[in-house]
């Protein structure tokens, strides 16, 4: 099988494709797998680390601003899309794939759209409860639409929509259930905090106060992925608060956490956003979590994702507009001291894990072909 996965902009639009690619390669070692996405995006780093070839195009998302600057940005974006589609058609003619699979984000549009224009089979993989703009526009001519939530089927018409569940990267599944590895040279519990590959500026701002409290009071360890943009300014602002991170043996602030399987398996609590891929991984590892859903997404789908875990007793949910660094620190301290509650939340998270999503995705692709 020859397949191109297209998607990007955030790790949540890349990791599902990487998880599916690894599973397909395991099932069919002779398969030839490629990726496509936006030039300069997180997809370039993530895909290259896994050893796949990636085709990239200069492309940007549309602005929602009704202004002259917004109009100019959209005009440039449309021009880039048209150019990217032409480039994608050349790639498809050269590679002659059996199928192109779009995993979301505006970066998936050129390759999937080009494939549809050239008569190549296409499939879409939507991991969020509410579909994104790109996949909605591509859905009408897709040969198969794979969804992670049963309710997502309502957004797409026809029998070509199938429920698969949300895929989890193999590295996390391999670590899940194994003995924890010590992440710090002490016996204190460890908190893992990340806000997605891009990061979240407002939450990172709130985390500065969280880190200030932790540096002064101790009580647990923290590993935080700030995201590439926020990592440029966050260490400096924390230093201006009087905290020298190099002297804090219980705090590690990082740009991006590449060994997520090892780190998530060995932590005691996760603080994160509510992207479907993120929550699928948290559940697969059986981790209790404090979730602050992003309010800046289509259809408020992150809060819907988060509330599902909250109802199952697997997570605590706080809204970004209602919480600050002090409140989050105190919530974390209280939860870490309640080992019984942490254990119950862990069991509840595991009960929500989708263990056969990759097999379902593999079967859906094979049946489409």
Protein backbone atom coordinates (compact mmCIF):
# COMPACT_ATOMS: atom_id res chain seq x y z
CA UNK A 1 0.00 0.00 0.00
CA UNK A 2 1.22 3.49 -0.85
CA UNK A 3 -0.28 6.23 1.31
CA UNK A 4 0.15 9.94 2.01
CA UNK A 5 -1.00 11.35 5.36
CA UNK A 6 -1.73 15.08 5.17
CA UNK A 7 -2.23 17.36 8.15
CA UNK A 8 -0.52 19.79 10.47
CA UNK A 9 -0.48 23.08 12.28
CA UNK A 10 -0.57 21.37 15.66
CA UNK A 11 0.65 18.04 17.01
CA UNK A 12 -3.01 17.06 17.40
CA UNK A 13 -3.29 17.00 13.61
CA UNK A 14 0.00 15.14 13.13
CA UNK A 15 0.25 12.50 15.86
CA UNK A 16 -2.89 10.60 14.79
CA UNK A 17 -1.34 10.19 11.34
CA UNK A 18 1.97 9.08 12.83
CA UNK A 19 0.17 6.55 15.03
CA UNK A 20 -1.75 5.14 12.05
CA UNK A 21 1.38 5.09 9.89
CA UNK A 22 3.33 3.10 12.46
CA UNK A 23 0.49 0.59 12.76
CA UNK A 24 0.18 0.19 8.99
CA UNK A 25 3.93 -0.30 8.68
CA UNK A 26 3.71 -3.00 11.36
CA UNK A 27 0.87 -4.77 9.54
CA UNK A 28 2.34 -4.30 6.07
CA UNK A 29 6.12 -3.75 6.29
CA UNK A 30 6.39 -3.16 2.53
CA UNK A 31 4.01 -0.20 2.63
CA UNK A 32 5.37 3.12 1.41
CA UNK A 33 4.19 5.96 3.62
CA UNK A 34 4.66 9.70 3.15
CA UNK A 35 3.40 12.84 4.86
CA UNK A 36 2.38 16.29 3.68
CA UNK A 37 1.86 19.54 5.55
CA UNK A 38 2.73 23.20 5.96
CA UNK A 39 6.28 24.45 5.54
CA UNK A 40 7.79 25.49 8.86
CA UNK A 41 5.06 23.77 10.88
CA UNK A 42 5.39 21.38 13.81
CA UNK A 43 4.71 18.55 11.34
CA UNK A 44 8.19 18.95 9.86
CA UNK A 45 9.84 18.24 13.22
CA UNK A 46 7.54 15.42 14.31
CA UNK A 47 7.48 13.56 10.99
CA UNK A 48 11.23 13.86 10.41
CA UNK A 49 11.94 12.41 13.86
CA UNK A 50 9.97 9.31 12.88
CA UNK A 51 11.92 8.87 9.65
CA UNK A 52 9.17 9.53 7.08
CA UNK A 53 9.57 11.73 4.03
CA UNK A 54 7.37 14.81 4.15
CA UNK A 55 6.24 17.12 1.36
CA UNK A 56 5.61 20.66 2.59
CA UNK A 57 4.03 23.77 1.09
CA UNK A 58 3.96 27.43 2.17
CA UNK A 59 0.44 27.81 3.50
CA UNK A 60 -1.38 29.78 6.21
CA UNK A 61 -4.81 29.74 7.81
CA UNK A 62 -7.54 32.28 7.14
CA UNK A 63 -8.13 35.29 9.35
CA UNK A 64 -11.55 35.84 10.94
CA UNK A 65 -10.89 39.55 11.33
CA UNK A 66 -13.15 41.87 9.32
CA UNK A 67 -10.47 44.45 8.61
CA UNK A 68 -8.04 45.55 5.92
CA UNK A 69 -5.22 43.53 7.49
CA UNK A 70 -7.53 40.51 7.73
CA UNK A 71 -8.50 40.88 4.08
CA UNK A 72 -4.84 41.10 3.03
CA UNK A 73 -3.96 38.03 5.07
CA UNK A 74 -6.81 36.05 3.52
CA UNK A 75 -5.87 37.14 0.00
CA UNK A 76 -2.33 35.89 0.61
CA UNK A 77 -3.65 32.67 2.16
CA UNK A 78 -5.86 31.93 -0.85
CA UNK A 79 -2.93 32.55 -3.21
CA UNK A 80 -0.79 30.13 -1.15
CA UNK A 81 -3.50 27.47 -1.20
CA UNK A 82 -3.80 27.63 -4.99
CA UNK A 83 -0.04 27.36 -5.34
CA UNK A 84 0.09 24.52 -2.80
CA UNK A 85 -2.63 22.58 -4.65
CA UNK A 86 -0.63 22.81 -7.88
CA UNK A 87 2.48 21.57 -6.06
CA UNK A 88 0.49 18.78 -4.40
CA UNK A 89 -0.80 17.61 -7.80
CA UNK A 90 2.79 17.29 -8.99
CA UNK A 91 3.65 15.20 -5.92
CA UNK A 92 0.65 12.93 -6.47
CA UNK A 93 1.51 12.40 -10.14
CA UNK A 94 5.09 11.52 -9.17
CA UNK A 95 4.29 9.28 -6.19
CA UNK A 96 1.04 7.76 -7.48
CA UNK A 97 -0.38 6.93 -4.00
CA UNK A 98 -3.23 4.48 -3.50
CA UNK A 99 -4.90 6.83 -1.02
CA UNK A 100 -4.43 10.20 0.68
CA UNK A 101 -5.58 10.52 4.30
CA UNK A 102 -6.31 13.99 5.73
CA UNK A 103 -5.84 14.29 9.49
CA UNK A 104 -7.00 17.88 9.92
CA UNK A 105 -5.73 21.43 10.06
CA UNK A 106 -5.59 23.80 7.10
CA UNK A 107 -2.26 22.15 6.15
CA UNK A 108 -4.11 19.02 5.03
CA UNK A 109 -6.26 20.80 2.47
CA UNK A 110 -3.92 21.12 -0.56
CA UNK A 111 -2.90 17.45 -0.71
CA UNK A 112 -6.36 16.01 -0.09
CA UNK A 113 -8.05 18.46 -2.46
CA UNK A 114 -5.45 17.73 -5.15
CA UNK A 115 -6.00 13.99 -4.75
CA UNK A 116 -9.76 14.41 -5.13
CA UNK A 117 -9.27 16.47 -8.29
CA UNK A 118 -6.99 13.80 -9.74
CA UNK A 119 -9.32 10.91 -8.91
CA UNK A 120 -7.17 9.40 -6.15
CA UNK A 121 -9.08 7.88 -3.24
CA UNK A 122 -9.16 10.01 -0.07
CA UNK A 123 -10.06 9.40 3.55
CA UNK A 124 -10.44 11.84 6.44
CA UNK A 125 -9.60 11.22 10.09
CA UNK A 126 -11.36 13.60 12.50
CA UNK A 127 -10.30 13.08 16.12
CA UNK A 128 -12.29 15.95 17.63
CA UNK A 129 -15.97 15.89 18.48
CA UNK A 130 -16.62 18.88 16.19
CA UNK A 131 -15.02 18.77 12.72
CA UNK A 132 -12.61 21.48 11.63
CA UNK A 133 -13.17 23.76 8.64
CA UNK A 134 -10.74 21.95 6.32
CA UNK A 135 -12.25 18.52 6.83
CA UNK A 136 -15.79 19.88 6.47
CA UNK A 137 -14.88 21.32 3.07
CA UNK A 138 -13.22 18.09 1.95
CA UNK A 139 -15.90 15.72 3.28
CA UNK A 140 -18.30 15.77 0.32
CA UNK A 141 -15.82 14.11 -2.05
CA UNK A 142 -14.01 11.91 0.49
CA UNK A 143 -14.34 8.15 0.06
CA UNK A 144 -14.24 7.47 3.81
CA UNK A 145 -14.59 9.62 6.94
CA UNK A 146 -13.26 8.16 10.21
CA UNK A 147 -14.46 9.74 13.46
CA UNK A 148 -13.42 9.39 17.10
CA UNK A 149 -16.83 10.21 18.59
CA UNK A 150 -20.13 8.62 17.61
CA UNK A 151 -21.85 12.01 17.75
CA UNK A 152 -19.46 13.38 15.10
CA UNK A 153 -21.26 11.27 12.48
CA UNK A 154 -24.09 13.80 12.58
CA UNK A 155 -21.86 16.39 10.89
CA UNK A 156 -21.36 14.16 7.85
CA UNK A 157 -24.01 12.63 5.60
CA UNK A 158 -23.95 9.16 4.10
CA UNK A 159 -22.74 5.69 4.98
CA UNK A 160 -19.08 6.49 4.28
CA UNK A 161 -18.62 7.75 7.86
CA UNK A 162 -17.29 5.15 10.31
CA UNK A 163 -16.50 5.25 14.02
CA UNK A 164 -12.90 4.28 14.80
CA UNK A 165 -12.06 5.95 18.09
CA UNK A 166 -9.04 8.19 18.59
CA UNK A 167 -5.64 6.67 17.74
CA UNK A 168 -2.79 6.72 20.24
CA UNK A 169 0.87 6.76 19.30
CA UNK A 170 2.59 3.39 19.65
CA UNK A 171 5.26 4.84 21.96
CA UNK A 172 2.61 5.68 24.54
CA UNK A 173 0.97 2.27 24.26
CA UNK A 174 4.35 0.59 24.71
CA UNK A 175 5.01 2.48 27.95
CA UNK A 176 1.46 2.21 29.31
CA UNK A 177 1.32 -0.27 32.16
CA UNK A 178 5.09 -0.48 32.62
CA UNK A 179 6.87 0.42 35.84
CA UNK A 180 7.47 4.14 36.28
CA UNK A 181 10.91 5.53 35.58
CA UNK A 182 12.28 8.12 38.03
CA UNK A 183 12.13 11.53 36.34
CA UNK A 184 13.63 13.49 39.26
CA UNK A 185 16.17 12.57 41.96
CA UNK A 186 13.55 12.64 44.75
CA UNK A 187 10.44 10.76 45.83
CA UNK A 188 7.98 13.63 45.35
CA UNK A 189 5.08 13.19 42.90
CA UNK A 190 5.57 14.57 39.40
CA UNK A 191 3.15 16.75 37.44
CA UNK A 192 3.28 16.88 33.65
CA UNK A 193 1.92 20.08 32.12
CA UNK A 194 1.61 20.91 28.43
CA UNK A 195 -0.75 22.99 26.33
CA UNK A 196 -0.30 21.38 22.92
CA UNK A 197 2.57 21.66 20.45
CA UNK A 198 1.96 25.34 19.76
CA UNK A 199 1.46 26.18 23.43
CA UNK A 200 -1.12 28.53 24.91
CA UNK A 201 0.11 32.01 25.70
CA UNK A 202 -2.52 32.85 28.31
CA UNK A 203 -2.13 29.57 30.17
CA UNK A 204 1.65 29.85 30.09
CA UNK A 205 1.29 33.33 31.57
CA UNK A 206 -0.78 31.83 34.38
CA UNK A 207 1.80 29.06 34.83
CA UNK A 208 4.46 31.65 35.65
CA UNK A 209 2.71 32.27 38.98
CA UNK A 210 2.26 28.49 39.40
CA UNK A 211 6.02 28.01 38.93
CA UNK A 212 6.77 30.90 41.31
CA UNK A 213 4.71 29.18 44.01
CA UNK A 214 6.29 25.79 43.31
CA UNK A 215 9.83 27.18 43.45
CA UNK A 216 9.11 28.71 46.84
CA UNK A 217 6.96 26.02 48.45
CA UNK A 218 8.00 22.76 46.78
CA UNK A 219 5.93 19.64 47.36
CA UNK A 220 6.09 18.12 43.88
CA UNK A 221 8.04 18.09 40.63
CA UNK A 222 6.97 19.77 37.39
CA UNK A 223 7.80 19.04 33.76
CA UNK A 224 6.22 21.62 31.47
CA UNK A 225 6.23 21.87 27.69
CA UNK A 226 5.76 25.56 26.90
CA UNK A 227 5.58 25.36 23.10
CA UNK A 228 8.09 26.88 20.67
CA UNK A 229 6.73 30.44 20.64
CA UNK A 230 6.21 30.73 24.40
CA UNK A 231 9.55 29.16 25.26
CA UNK A 232 11.25 32.20 23.73
CA UNK A 233 9.94 34.56 26.42
CA UNK A 234 8.76 32.44 29.34
CA UNK A 235 12.13 31.63 31.00
CA UNK A 236 13.07 35.31 30.91
CA UNK A 237 9.81 36.43 32.51
CA UNK A 238 10.17 33.81 35.25
CA UNK A 239 13.71 35.06 35.90
CA UNK A 240 12.34 38.60 36.22
CA UNK A 241 10.09 37.26 39.01
CA UNK A 242 13.25 36.29 40.91
CA UNK A 243 13.24 32.59 39.99
CA UNK A 244 16.37 31.09 38.42
CA UNK A 245 15.12 27.87 36.85
CA UNK A 246 18.62 26.39 36.67
CA UNK A 247 18.62 26.37 40.49
CA UNK A 248 15.22 24.64 40.75
CA UNK A 249 15.91 20.90 40.76
CA UNK A 250 12.17 20.12 40.82
CA UNK A 251 11.18 22.19 37.76
CA UNK A 252 11.93 21.51 34.10
CA UNK A 253 10.60 23.97 31.56
CA UNK A 254 10.99 22.67 28.00
CA UNK A 255 10.09 23.81 24.50
CA UNK A 256 8.54 20.47 23.55
CA UNK A 257 8.41 17.04 25.17
CA UNK A 258 9.54 14.53 22.56
CA UNK A 259 9.71 11.44 24.82
CA UNK A 260 6.07 11.81 25.85
CA UNK A 261 5.53 8.06 26.30
CA UNK A 262 8.17 7.77 29.02
CA UNK A 263 7.26 11.06 30.70
CA UNK A 264 3.50 10.56 30.75
CA UNK A 265 3.80 6.99 32.01
CA UNK A 266 6.04 8.10 34.86
CA UNK A 267 4.10 11.16 36.04
CA UNK A 268 1.37 11.22 38.69
CA UNK A 269 -0.89 13.94 37.29
CA UNK A 270 -1.37 15.67 33.93
CA UNK A 271 -2.42 19.30 33.42
CA UNK A 272 -3.41 19.93 29.80
CA UNK A 273 -5.79 21.19 27.13
CA UNK A 274 -8.63 19.00 25.83
CA UNK A 275 -7.72 18.14 22.27
CA UNK A 276 -9.06 14.68 21.45
CA UNK A 277 -5.60 13.24 20.71
CA UNK A 278 -4.26 14.54 24.01
CA UNK A 279 -7.13 13.10 26.02
CA UNK A 280 -6.90 9.76 24.19
CA UNK A 281 -3.25 9.52 25.25
CA UNK A 282 -4.00 10.54 28.83
CA UNK A 283 -6.66 7.83 29.06
CA UNK A 284 -4.45 5.19 27.41
CA UNK A 285 -1.82 5.84 30.08
CA UNK A 286 -4.45 5.87 32.83
CA UNK A 287 -3.50 9.30 34.15
CA UNK A 288 -5.66 11.54 36.33
CA UNK A 289 -5.81 15.02 34.89
CA UNK A 290 -6.72 18.65 35.41
CA UNK A 291 -8.05 19.93 32.11
CA UNK A 292 -8.34 23.56 31.01
CA UNK A 293 -10.05 23.36 27.59
CA UNK A 294 -9.12 25.93 24.97
CA UNK A 295 -11.93 28.47 24.45
CA UNK A 296 -10.50 29.41 21.04
CA UNK A 297 -11.65 26.42 19.00
CA UNK A 298 -14.55 25.72 16.64
CA UNK A 299 -17.79 24.78 18.36
CA UNK A 300 -16.18 24.84 21.81
CA UNK A 301 -15.33 21.18 21.12
CA UNK A 302 -12.53 21.05 23.69
CA UNK A 303 -14.87 21.71 26.60
CA UNK A 304 -17.18 18.98 25.28
CA UNK A 305 -14.21 16.60 25.18
CA UNK A 306 -13.18 17.57 28.72
CA UNK A 307 -16.64 17.25 30.23
CA UNK A 308 -16.83 13.65 29.00
CA UNK A 309 -13.81 12.78 31.16
CA UNK A 310 -15.19 14.82 34.05
CA UNK A 311 -18.50 12.93 33.97
CA UNK A 312 -16.59 9.65 34.05
CA UNK A 313 -14.65 10.75 37.14
CA UNK A 314 -11.33 10.75 35.27
CA UNK A 315 -10.56 14.49 35.36
CA UNK A 316 -11.18 17.84 36.99
CA UNK A 317 -12.15 20.63 34.58
CA UNK A 318 -11.50 24.35 35.01
CA UNK A 319 -12.25 27.10 32.49
CA UNK A 320 -9.43 29.40 31.43
CA UNK A 321 -11.49 32.51 32.21
CA UNK A 322 -12.14 31.33 35.77
CA UNK A 323 -8.72 30.15 36.94
CA UNK A 324 -5.35 31.73 37.66
CA UNK A 325 -1.92 30.37 38.59
CA UNK A 326 -2.58 30.38 42.33
CA UNK A 327 -5.87 28.52 42.01
CA UNK A 328 -4.32 25.94 39.69
CA UNK A 329 -1.38 25.44 42.07
CA UNK A 330 -3.68 24.92 45.05
CA UNK A 331 -5.93 22.55 43.07
CA UNK A 332 -2.85 20.54 42.12
CA UNK A 333 -1.54 20.38 45.69
CA UNK A 334 -4.92 19.25 47.02
CA UNK A 335 -5.29 16.53 44.43
CA UNK A 336 -1.75 15.21 44.88
CA UNK A 337 -2.40 14.80 48.60
CA UNK A 338 -5.52 12.70 47.93
CA UNK A 339 -3.97 9.43 46.78
CA UNK A 340 -7.30 7.60 46.90
CA UNK A 341 -8.91 10.09 44.52
CA UNK A 342 -5.90 9.95 42.19
CA UNK A 343 -6.17 6.17 42.06
CA UNK A 344 -9.90 6.29 41.28
CA UNK A 345 -9.35 8.88 38.55
CA UNK A 346 -6.62 6.72 37.05
CA UNK A 347 -8.91 3.68 36.86
CA UNK A 348 -11.70 5.78 35.34
CA UNK A 349 -9.33 7.18 32.71
CA UNK A 350 -8.23 3.69 31.71
CA UNK A 351 -11.86 2.64 31.32
CA UNK A 352 -12.27 5.33 28.62
CA UNK A 353 -9.24 4.27 26.59
CA UNK A 354 -9.92 3.25 22.99
CA UNK A 355 -7.70 0.19 22.62
CA UNK A 356 -8.57 -0.88 19.07
CA UNK A 357 -8.72 2.49 17.26
CA UNK A 358 -5.64 1.80 15.13
CA UNK A 359 -6.99 -1.54 13.93
CA UNK A 360 -10.32 0.10 13.08
CA UNK A 361 -8.52 2.83 11.11
CA UNK A 362 -6.41 0.24 9.28
CA UNK A 363 -9.51 -1.77 8.35
CA UNK A 364 -11.38 1.35 7.19
CA UNK A 365 -8.51 2.34 4.90
CA UNK A 366 -8.19 -1.19 3.50
CA UNK A 367 -11.94 -1.40 2.86
CA UNK A 368 -11.85 1.99 1.11
CA UNK A 369 -9.21 0.64 -1.25
